[in-house]
Amino acid sequence: MSKNLRERAEETATEIQTLLGISTDDHPKEVADAVESSIIRALIAERDRCAEIARHCYEHDERKAQKVADEIAKVRSVIVANLSAMR
């Protein structure tokens, strides 16, 4: 079964706390929130970077540009779903 973003953030938070030698009971939600937020920001930045590269590479081929734009939009939908799940 694949892990969702929150599960990955919680797992990473536990790893960080263990590496730092602090109790995993010390602010686990806050640490996981920070990790999750960082992952989301990175995903959004990469999505934007990919969109810009695709736009530049396919500026003379509208059909390919649209296909790539559709794929990038799917990634955006996943990111939005993860953001919504945080609420």
PDB file of N, CA and C in Angstrom:
ATOM      1  N   MET A   1       0.850  -1.184   0.000  1.00  0.00           N
ATOM      2  CA  MET A   1       0.000   0.000   0.000  1.00  0.00           C
ATOM      3  C   MET A   1       0.894   1.245   0.000  1.00  0.00           C
ATOM      4  N   SER A   2       0.595   2.177  -0.848  1.00  0.00           N
ATOM      5  CA  SER A   2       1.408   3.382  -0.913  1.00  0.00           C
ATOM      6  C   SER A   2       1.039   4.325   0.226  1.00  0.00           C
ATOM      7  N   LYS A   3       2.029   5.094   0.637  1.00  0.00           N
ATOM      8  CA  LYS A   3       1.822   6.030   1.735  1.00  0.00           C
ATOM      9  C   LYS A   3       1.371   7.368   1.181  1.00  0.00           C
ATOM     10  N   ASN A   4       0.496   8.030   1.924  1.00  0.00           N
ATOM     11  CA  ASN A   4       0.121   9.375   1.514  1.00  0.00           C
ATOM     12  C   ASN A   4       1.144  10.361   2.069  1.00  0.00           C
ATOM     13  N   LEU A   5       1.005  11.589   1.687  1.00  0.00           N
ATOM     14  CA  LEU A   5       1.965  12.616   2.076  1.00  0.00           C
ATOM     15  C   LEU A   5       2.052  12.759   3.588  1.00  0.00           C
ATOM     16  N   ARG A   6       0.926  12.726   4.271  1.00  0.00           N
ATOM     17  CA  ARG A   6       0.933  12.889   5.725  1.00  0.00           C
ATOM     18  C   ARG A   6       1.682  11.748   6.407  1.00  0.00           C
ATOM     19  N   GLU A   7       1.464  10.533   5.936  1.00  0.00           N
ATOM     20  CA  GLU A   7       2.169   9.389   6.523  1.00  0.00           C
ATOM     21  C   GLU A   7       3.677   9.524   6.323  1.00  0.00           C
ATOM     22  N   ARG A   8       4.069   9.977   5.151  1.00  0.00           N
ATOM     23  CA  ARG A   8       5.495  10.184   4.890  1.00  0.00           C
ATOM     24  C   ARG A   8       6.064  11.287   5.790  1.00  0.00           C
ATOM     25  N   ALA A   9       5.313  12.350   5.977  1.00  0.00           N
ATOM     26  CA  ALA A   9       5.764  13.453   6.831  1.00  0.00           C
ATOM     27  C   ALA A   9       5.911  12.987   8.272  1.00  0.00           C
ATOM     28  N   GLU A  10       4.956  12.211   8.758  1.00  0.00           N
ATOM     29  CA  GLU A  10       5.024  11.709  10.133  1.00  0.00           C
ATOM     30  C   GLU A  10       6.210  10.769  10.315  1.00  0.00           C
ATOM     31  N   GLU A  11       6.446   9.919   9.336  1.00  0.00           N
ATOM     32  CA  GLU A  11       7.584   9.003   9.393  1.00  0.00           C
ATOM     33  C   GLU A  11       8.896   9.783   9.397  1.00  0.00           C
ATOM     34  N   THR A  12       8.990  10.790   8.542  1.00  0.00           N
ATOM     35  CA  THR A  12      10.193  11.623   8.477  1.00  0.00           C
ATOM     36  C   THR A  12      10.384  12.409   9.765  1.00  0.00           C
ATOM     37  N   ALA A  13       9.295  12.908  10.340  1.00  0.00           N
ATOM     38  CA  ALA A  13       9.375  13.639  11.607  1.00  0.00           C
ATOM     39  C   ALA A  13       9.947  12.741  12.699  1.00  0.00           C
ATOM     40  N   THR A  14       9.489  11.506  12.756  1.00  0.00           N
ATOM     41  CA  THR A  14      10.001  10.557  13.750  1.00  0.00           C
ATOM     42  C   THR A  14      11.487  10.302  13.525  1.00  0.00           C
ATOM     43  N   GLU A  15      11.886  10.137  12.270  1.00  0.00           N
ATOM     44  CA  GLU A  15      13.300   9.927  11.950  1.00  0.00           C
ATOM     45  C   GLU A  15      14.142  11.121  12.391  1.00  0.00           C
ATOM     46  N   ILE A  16      13.657  12.324  12.131  1.00  0.00           N
ATOM     47  CA  ILE A  16      14.385  13.540  12.518  1.00  0.00           C
ATOM     48  C   ILE A  16      14.530  13.609  14.028  1.00  0.00           C
ATOM     49  N   GLN A  17      13.435  13.381  14.741  1.00  0.00           N
ATOM     50  CA  GLN A  17      13.480  13.442  16.195  1.00  0.00           C
ATOM     51  C   GLN A  17      14.431  12.389  16.761  1.00  0.00           C
ATOM     52  N   THR A  18      14.431  11.207  16.180  1.00  0.00           N
ATOM     53  CA  THR A  18      15.337  10.147  16.628  1.00  0.00           C
ATOM     54  C   THR A  18      16.786  10.538  16.363  1.00  0.00           C
ATOM     55  N   LEU A  19      17.068  11.072  15.178  1.00  0.00           N
ATOM     56  CA  LEU A  19      18.428  11.511  14.848  1.00  0.00           C
ATOM     57  C   LEU A  19      18.921  12.603  15.790  1.00  0.00           C
ATOM     58  N   LEU A  20      18.011  13.479  16.184  1.00  0.00           N
ATOM     59  CA  LEU A  20      18.376  14.574  17.083  1.00  0.00           C
ATOM     60  C   LEU A  20      18.431  14.135  18.539  1.00  0.00           C
ATOM     61  N   GLY A  21      17.975  12.918  18.794  1.00  0.00           N
ATOM     62  CA  GLY A  21      17.997  12.397  20.155  1.00  0.00           C
ATOM     63  C   GLY A  21      16.938  13.006  21.051  1.00  0.00           C
ATOM     64  N   ILE A  22      15.832  13.438  20.453  1.00  0.00           N
ATOM     65  CA  ILE A  22      14.744  13.987  21.260  1.00  0.00           C
ATOM     66  C   ILE A  22      13.560  13.031  21.219  1.00  0.00           C
ATOM     67  N   SER A  23      12.731  13.143  22.201  1.00  0.00           N
ATOM     68  CA  SER A  23      11.571  12.262  22.304  1.00  0.00           C
ATOM     69  C   SER A  23      10.623  12.484  21.131  1.00  0.00           C
ATOM     70  N   THR A  24      10.092  11.392  20.615  1.00  0.00           N
ATOM     71  CA  THR A  24       9.112  11.507  19.537  1.00  0.00           C
ATOM     72  C   THR A  24       7.783  12.026  20.062  1.00  0.00           C
ATOM     73  N   ASP A  25       7.687  12.170  21.384  1.00  0.00           N
ATOM     74  CA  ASP A  25       6.480  12.745  21.987  1.00  0.00           C
ATOM     75  C   ASP A  25       6.541  14.271  22.054  1.00  0.00           C
ATOM     76  N   ASP A  26       7.718  14.846  21.771  1.00  0.00           N
ATOM     77  CA  ASP A  26       7.884  16.302  21.811  1.00  0.00           C
ATOM     78  C   ASP A  26       7.402  16.922  20.500  1.00  0.00           C
ATOM     79  N   HIS A  27       6.226  17.478  20.527  1.00  0.00           N
ATOM     80  CA  HIS A  27       5.640  18.202  19.390  1.00  0.00           C
ATOM     81  C   HIS A  27       5.607  17.390  18.090  1.00  0.00           C
ATOM     82  N   PRO A  28       5.128  16.163  18.114  1.00  0.00           N
ATOM     83  CA  PRO A  28       5.129  15.355  16.884  1.00  0.00           C
ATOM     84  C   PRO A  28       4.289  15.967  15.767  1.00  0.00           C
ATOM     85  N   LYS A  29       3.147  16.555  16.107  1.00  0.00           N
ATOM     86  CA  LYS A  29       2.284  17.141  15.076  1.00  0.00           C
ATOM     87  C   LYS A  29       2.962  18.341  14.421  1.00  0.00           C
ATOM     88  N   GLU A  30       3.584  19.181  15.230  1.00  0.00           N
ATOM     89  CA  GLU A  30       4.226  20.379  14.698  1.00  0.00           C
ATOM     90  C   GLU A  30       5.394  20.023  13.776  1.00  0.00           C
ATOM     91  N   VAL A  31       6.181  19.017  14.183  1.00  0.00           N
ATOM     92  CA  VAL A  31       7.310  18.598  13.352  1.00  0.00           C
ATOM     93  C   VAL A  31       6.797  17.998  12.042  1.00  0.00           C
ATOM     94  N   ALA A  32       5.785  17.138  12.122  1.00  0.00           N
ATOM     95  CA  ALA A  32       5.210  16.534  10.912  1.00  0.00           C
ATOM     96  C   ALA A  32       4.597  17.605  10.014  1.00  0.00           C
ATOM     97  N   ASP A  33       3.936  18.599  10.608  1.00  0.00           N
ATOM     98  CA  ASP A  33       3.362  19.695   9.816  1.00  0.00           C
ATOM     99  C   ASP A  33       4.452  20.444   9.049  1.00  0.00           C
ATOM    100  N   ALA A  34       5.582  20.711   9.729  1.00  0.00           N
ATOM    101  CA  ALA A  34       6.682  21.430   9.088  1.00  0.00           C
ATOM    102  C   ALA A  34       7.273  20.614   7.941  1.00  0.00           C
ATOM    103  N   VAL A  35       7.439  19.319   8.156  1.00  0.00           N
ATOM    104  CA  VAL A  35       7.972  18.445   7.108  1.00  0.00           C
ATOM    105  C   VAL A  35       7.008  18.406   5.926  1.00  0.00           C
ATOM    106  N   GLU A  36       5.725  18.225   6.225  1.00  0.00           N
ATOM    107  CA  GLU A  36       4.712  18.156   5.173  1.00  0.00           C
ATOM    108  C   GLU A  36       4.662  19.454   4.368  1.00  0.00           C
ATOM    109  N   SER A  37       4.713  20.573   5.055  1.00  0.00           N
ATOM    110  CA  SER A  37       4.685  21.872   4.386  1.00  0.00           C
ATOM    111  C   SER A  37       5.898  22.042   3.471  1.00  0.00           C
ATOM    112  N   SER A  38       7.043  21.607   3.946  1.00  0.00           N
ATOM    113  CA  SER A  38       8.258  21.700   3.141  1.00  0.00           C
ATOM    114  C   SER A  38       8.162  20.836   1.888  1.00  0.00           C
ATOM    115  N   ILE A  39       7.622  19.633   2.035  1.00  0.00           N
ATOM    116  CA  ILE A  39       7.448  18.743   0.883  1.00  0.00           C
ATOM    117  C   ILE A  39       6.500  19.375  -0.133  1.00  0.00           C
ATOM    118  N   ILE A  40       5.408  19.933   0.346  1.00  0.00           N
ATOM    119  CA  ILE A  40       4.422  20.547  -0.550  1.00  0.00           C
ATOM    120  C   ILE A  40       5.027  21.731  -1.296  1.00  0.00           C
ATOM    121  N   ARG A  41       5.771  22.580  -0.581  1.00  0.00           N
ATOM    122  CA  ARG A  41       6.419  23.718  -1.248  1.00  0.00           C
ATOM    123  C   ARG A  41       7.379  23.240  -2.334  1.00  0.00           C
ATOM    124  N   ALA A  42       8.126  22.173  -2.040  1.00  0.00           N
ATOM    125  CA  ALA A  42       9.059  21.631  -3.029  1.00  0.00           C
ATOM    126  C   ALA A  42       8.310  21.067  -4.235  1.00  0.00           C
ATOM    127  N   LEU A  43       7.214  20.368  -3.987  1.00  0.00           N
ATOM    128  CA  LEU A  43       6.418  19.812  -5.088  1.00  0.00           C
ATOM    129  C   LEU A  43       5.849  20.912  -5.977  1.00  0.00           C
ATOM    130  N   ILE A  44       5.349  21.963  -5.361  1.00  0.00           N
ATOM    131  CA  ILE A  44       4.785  23.073  -6.131  1.00  0.00           C
ATOM    132  C   ILE A  44       5.870  23.768  -6.948  1.00  0.00           C
ATOM    133  N   ALA A  45       7.037  23.975  -6.338  1.00  0.00           N
ATOM    134  CA  ALA A  45       8.139  24.616  -7.057  1.00  0.00           C
ATOM    135  C   ALA A  45       8.578  23.765  -8.248  1.00  0.00           C
ATOM    136  N   GLU A  46       8.658  22.462  -8.056  1.00  0.00           N
ATOM    137  CA  GLU A  46       9.050  21.574  -9.150  1.00  0.00           C
ATOM    138  C   GLU A  46       7.986  21.525 -10.239  1.00  0.00           C
ATOM    139  N   ARG A  47       6.726  21.534  -9.845  1.00  0.00           N
ATOM    140  CA  ARG A  47       5.643  21.553 -10.828  1.00  0.00           C
ATOM    141  C   ARG A  47       5.749  22.812 -11.680  1.00  0.00           C
ATOM    142  N   ASP A  48       5.979  23.943 -11.025  1.00  0.00           N
ATOM    143  CA  ASP A  48       6.116  25.202 -11.760  1.00  0.00           C
ATOM    144  C   ASP A  48       7.322  25.175 -12.698  1.00  0.00           C
ATOM    145  N   ARG A  49       8.426  24.605 -12.218  1.00  0.00           N
ATOM    146  CA  ARG A  49       9.632  24.510 -13.039  1.00  0.00           C
ATOM    147  C   ARG A  49       9.377  23.623 -14.258  1.00  0.00           C
ATOM    148  N   CYS A  50       8.728  22.497 -14.033  1.00  0.00           N
ATOM    149  CA  CYS A  50       8.411  21.589 -15.146  1.00  0.00           C
ATOM    150  C   CYS A  50       7.481  22.250 -16.155  1.00  0.00           C
ATOM    151  N   ALA A  51       6.513  22.985 -15.657  1.00  0.00           N
ATOM    152  CA  ALA A  51       5.578  23.672 -16.554  1.00  0.00           C
ATOM    153  C   ALA A  51       6.314  24.689 -17.420  1.00  0.00           C
ATOM    154  N   GLU A  52       7.241  25.408 -16.831  1.00  0.00           N
ATOM    155  CA  GLU A  52       7.997  26.411 -17.580  1.00  0.00           C
ATOM    156  C   GLU A  52       8.880  25.749 -18.638  1.00  0.00           C
ATOM    157  N   ILE A  53       9.520  24.659 -18.277  1.00  0.00           N
ATOM    158  CA  ILE A  53      10.356  23.936 -19.240  1.00  0.00           C
ATOM    159  C   ILE A  53       9.503  23.397 -20.382  1.00  0.00           C
ATOM    160  N   ALA A  54       8.365  22.812 -20.052  1.00  0.00           N
ATOM    161  CA  ALA A  54       7.470  22.267 -21.080  1.00  0.00           C
ATOM    162  C   ALA A  54       6.979  23.367 -22.010  1.00  0.00           C
ATOM    163  N   ARG A  55       6.605  24.489 -21.429  1.00  0.00           N
ATOM    164  CA  ARG A  55       6.129  25.606 -22.248  1.00  0.00           C
ATOM    165  C   ARG A  55       7.217  26.047 -23.223  1.00  0.00           C
ATOM    166  N   HIS A  56       8.432  26.142 -22.727  1.00  0.00           N
ATOM    167  CA  HIS A  56       9.547  26.572 -23.571  1.00  0.00           C
ATOM    168  C   HIS A  56       9.859  25.535 -24.657  1.00  0.00           C
ATOM    169  N   CYS A  57       9.878  24.263 -24.293  1.00  0.00           N
ATOM    170  CA  CYS A  57      10.241  23.203 -25.251  1.00  0.00           C
ATOM    171  C   CYS A  57       9.202  23.001 -26.346  1.00  0.00           C
ATOM    172  N   TYR A  58       7.947  23.219 -26.005  1.00  0.00           N
ATOM    173  CA  TYR A  58       6.874  22.928 -26.954  1.00  0.00           C
ATOM    174  C   TYR A  58       6.141  24.178 -27.442  1.00  0.00           C
ATOM    175  N   GLU A  59       6.796  25.315 -27.385  1.00  0.00           N
ATOM    176  CA  GLU A  59       6.108  26.538 -27.771  1.00  0.00           C
ATOM    177  C   GLU A  59       5.698  26.548 -29.245  1.00  0.00           C
ATOM    178  N   HIS A  60       6.307  25.683 -30.066  1.00  0.00           N
ATOM    179  CA  HIS A  60       5.960  25.629 -31.491  1.00  0.00           C
ATOM    180  C   HIS A  60       5.070  24.434 -31.843  1.00  0.00           C
ATOM    181  N   ASP A  61       4.692  23.657 -30.844  1.00  0.00           N
ATOM    182  CA  ASP A  61       3.838  22.486 -31.080  1.00  0.00           C
ATOM    183  C   ASP A  61       2.703  22.502 -30.055  1.00  0.00           C
ATOM    184  N   GLU A  62       1.618  23.135 -30.435  1.00  0.00           N
ATOM    185  CA  GLU A  62       0.506  23.347 -29.502  1.00  0.00           C
ATOM    186  C   GLU A  62      -0.083  22.039 -28.978  1.00  0.00           C
ATOM    187  N   ARG A  63      -0.150  21.016 -29.809  1.00  0.00           N
ATOM    188  CA  ARG A  63      -0.730  19.736 -29.394  1.00  0.00           C
ATOM    189  C   ARG A  63       0.104  19.094 -28.281  1.00  0.00           C
ATOM    190  N   LYS A  64       1.413  19.056 -28.480  1.00  0.00           N
ATOM    191  CA  LYS A  64       2.291  18.498 -27.452  1.00  0.00           C
ATOM    192  C   LYS A  64       2.259  19.360 -26.196  1.00  0.00           C
ATOM    193  N   ALA A  65       2.256  20.657 -26.378  1.00  0.00           N
ATOM    194  CA  ALA A  65       2.209  21.562 -25.233  1.00  0.00           C
ATOM    195  C   ALA A  65       0.955  21.312 -24.404  1.00  0.00           C
ATOM    196  N   GLN A  66      -0.166  21.100 -25.068  1.00  0.00           N
ATOM    197  CA  GLN A  66      -1.417  20.840 -24.352  1.00  0.00           C
ATOM    198  C   GLN A  66      -1.363  19.512 -23.608  1.00  0.00           C
ATOM    199  N   LYS A  67      -0.785  18.507 -24.244  1.00  0.00           N
ATOM    200  CA  LYS A  67      -0.669  17.194 -23.607  1.00  0.00           C
ATOM    201  C   LYS A  67       0.179  17.288 -22.338  1.00  0.00           C
ATOM    202  N   VAL A  68       1.303  17.971 -22.431  1.00  0.00           N
ATOM    203  CA  VAL A  68       2.169  18.143 -21.267  1.00  0.00           C
ATOM    204  C   VAL A  68       1.459  18.972 -20.202  1.00  0.00           C
ATOM    205  N   ALA A  69       0.767  20.012 -20.608  1.00  0.00           N
ATOM    206  CA  ALA A  69       0.027  20.849 -19.658  1.00  0.00           C
ATOM    207  C   ALA A  69      -1.025  20.032 -18.919  1.00  0.00           C
ATOM    208  N   ASP A  70      -1.677  19.121 -19.620  1.00  0.00           N
ATOM    209  CA  ASP A  70      -2.679  18.257 -18.983  1.00  0.00           C
ATOM    210  C   ASP A  70      -2.041  17.348 -17.937  1.00  0.00           C
ATOM    211  N   GLU A  71      -0.876  16.809 -18.256  1.00  0.00           N
ATOM    212  CA  GLU A  71      -0.178  15.943 -17.299  1.00  0.00           C
ATOM    213  C   GLU A  71       0.254  16.737 -16.065  1.00  0.00           C
ATOM    214  N   ILE A  72       0.734  17.944 -16.290  1.00  0.00           N
ATOM    215  CA  ILE A  72       1.147  18.792 -15.171  1.00  0.00           C
ATOM    216  C   ILE A  72      -0.063  19.157 -14.319  1.00  0.00           C
ATOM    217  N   ALA A  73      -1.196  19.374 -14.943  1.00  0.00           N
ATOM    218  CA  ALA A  73      -2.425  19.680 -14.202  1.00  0.00           C
ATOM    219  C   ALA A  73      -2.827  18.515 -13.305  1.00  0.00           C
ATOM    220  N   LYS A  74      -2.581  17.289 -13.761  1.00  0.00           N
ATOM    221  CA  LYS A  74      -2.877  16.124 -12.924  1.00  0.00           C
ATOM    222  C   LYS A  74      -2.038  16.156 -11.650  1.00  0.00           C
ATOM    223  N   VAL A  75      -0.770  16.508 -11.794  1.00  0.00           N
ATOM    224  CA  VAL A  75       0.113  16.606 -10.630  1.00  0.00           C
ATOM    225  C   VAL A  75      -0.406  17.679  -9.680  1.00  0.00           C
ATOM    226  N   ARG A  76      -0.839  18.786 -10.227  1.00  0.00           N
ATOM    227  CA  ARG A  76      -1.390  19.862  -9.402  1.00  0.00           C
ATOM    228  C   ARG A  76      -2.597  19.363  -8.624  1.00  0.00           C
ATOM    229  N   SER A  77      -3.428  18.557  -9.263  1.00  0.00           N
ATOM    230  CA  SER A  77      -4.609  18.016  -8.589  1.00  0.00           C
ATOM    231  C   SER A  77      -4.221  17.161  -7.391  1.00  0.00           C
ATOM    232  N   VAL A  78      -3.166  16.385  -7.528  1.00  0.00           N
ATOM    233  CA  VAL A  78      -2.690  15.554  -6.419  1.00  0.00           C
ATOM    234  C   VAL A  78      -2.197  16.438  -5.276  1.00  0.00           C
ATOM    235  N   ILE A  79      -1.467  17.484  -5.618  1.00  0.00           N
ATOM    236  CA  ILE A  79      -0.967  18.400  -4.589  1.00  0.00           C
ATOM    237  C   ILE A  79      -2.134  19.063  -3.857  1.00  0.00           C
ATOM    238  N   VAL A  80      -3.118  19.517  -4.591  1.00  0.00           N
ATOM    239  CA  VAL A  80      -4.286  20.155  -3.985  1.00  0.00           C
ATOM    240  C   VAL A  80      -5.025  19.166  -3.091  1.00  0.00           C
ATOM    241  N   ALA A  81      -5.140  17.921  -3.522  1.00  0.00           N
ATOM    242  CA  ALA A  81      -5.807  16.904  -2.703  1.00  0.00           C
ATOM    243  C   ALA A  81      -5.063  16.698  -1.389  1.00  0.00           C
ATOM    244  N   ASN A  82      -3.738  16.693  -1.443  1.00  0.00           N
ATOM    245  CA  ASN A  82      -2.957  16.548  -0.220  1.00  0.00           C
ATOM    246  C   ASN A  82      -3.113  17.762   0.686  1.00  0.00           C
ATOM    247  N   LEU A  83      -3.148  18.939   0.092  1.00  0.00           N
ATOM    248  CA  LEU A  83      -3.361  20.145   0.896  1.00  0.00           C
ATOM    249  C   LEU A  83      -4.729  20.109   1.567  1.00  0.00           C
ATOM    250  N   SER A  84      -5.726  19.666   0.839  1.00  0.00           N
ATOM    251  CA  SER A  84      -7.078  19.581   1.395  1.00  0.00           C
ATOM    252  C   SER A  84      -7.141  18.572   2.530  1.00  0.00           C
ATOM    253  N   ALA A  85      -6.394  17.489   2.409  1.00  0.00           N
ATOM    254  CA  ALA A  85      -6.384  16.460   3.451  1.00  0.00           C
ATOM    255  C   ALA A  85      -5.746  16.969   4.740  1.00  0.00           C
ATOM    256  N   MET A  86      -4.917  18.008   4.635  1.00  0.00           N
ATOM    257  CA  MET A  86      -4.271  18.571   5.825  1.00  0.00           C
ATOM    258  C   MET A  86      -5.268  19.293   6.714  1.00  0.00           C
ATOM    259  N   ARG A  87      -6.372  19.723   6.165  1.00  0.00           N
ATOM    260  CA  ARG A  87      -7.324  20.531   6.925  1.00  0.00           C
ATOM    261  C   ARG A  87      -8.132  19.705   7.863  1.00  0.00           C
TER     262      ARG A  87
END
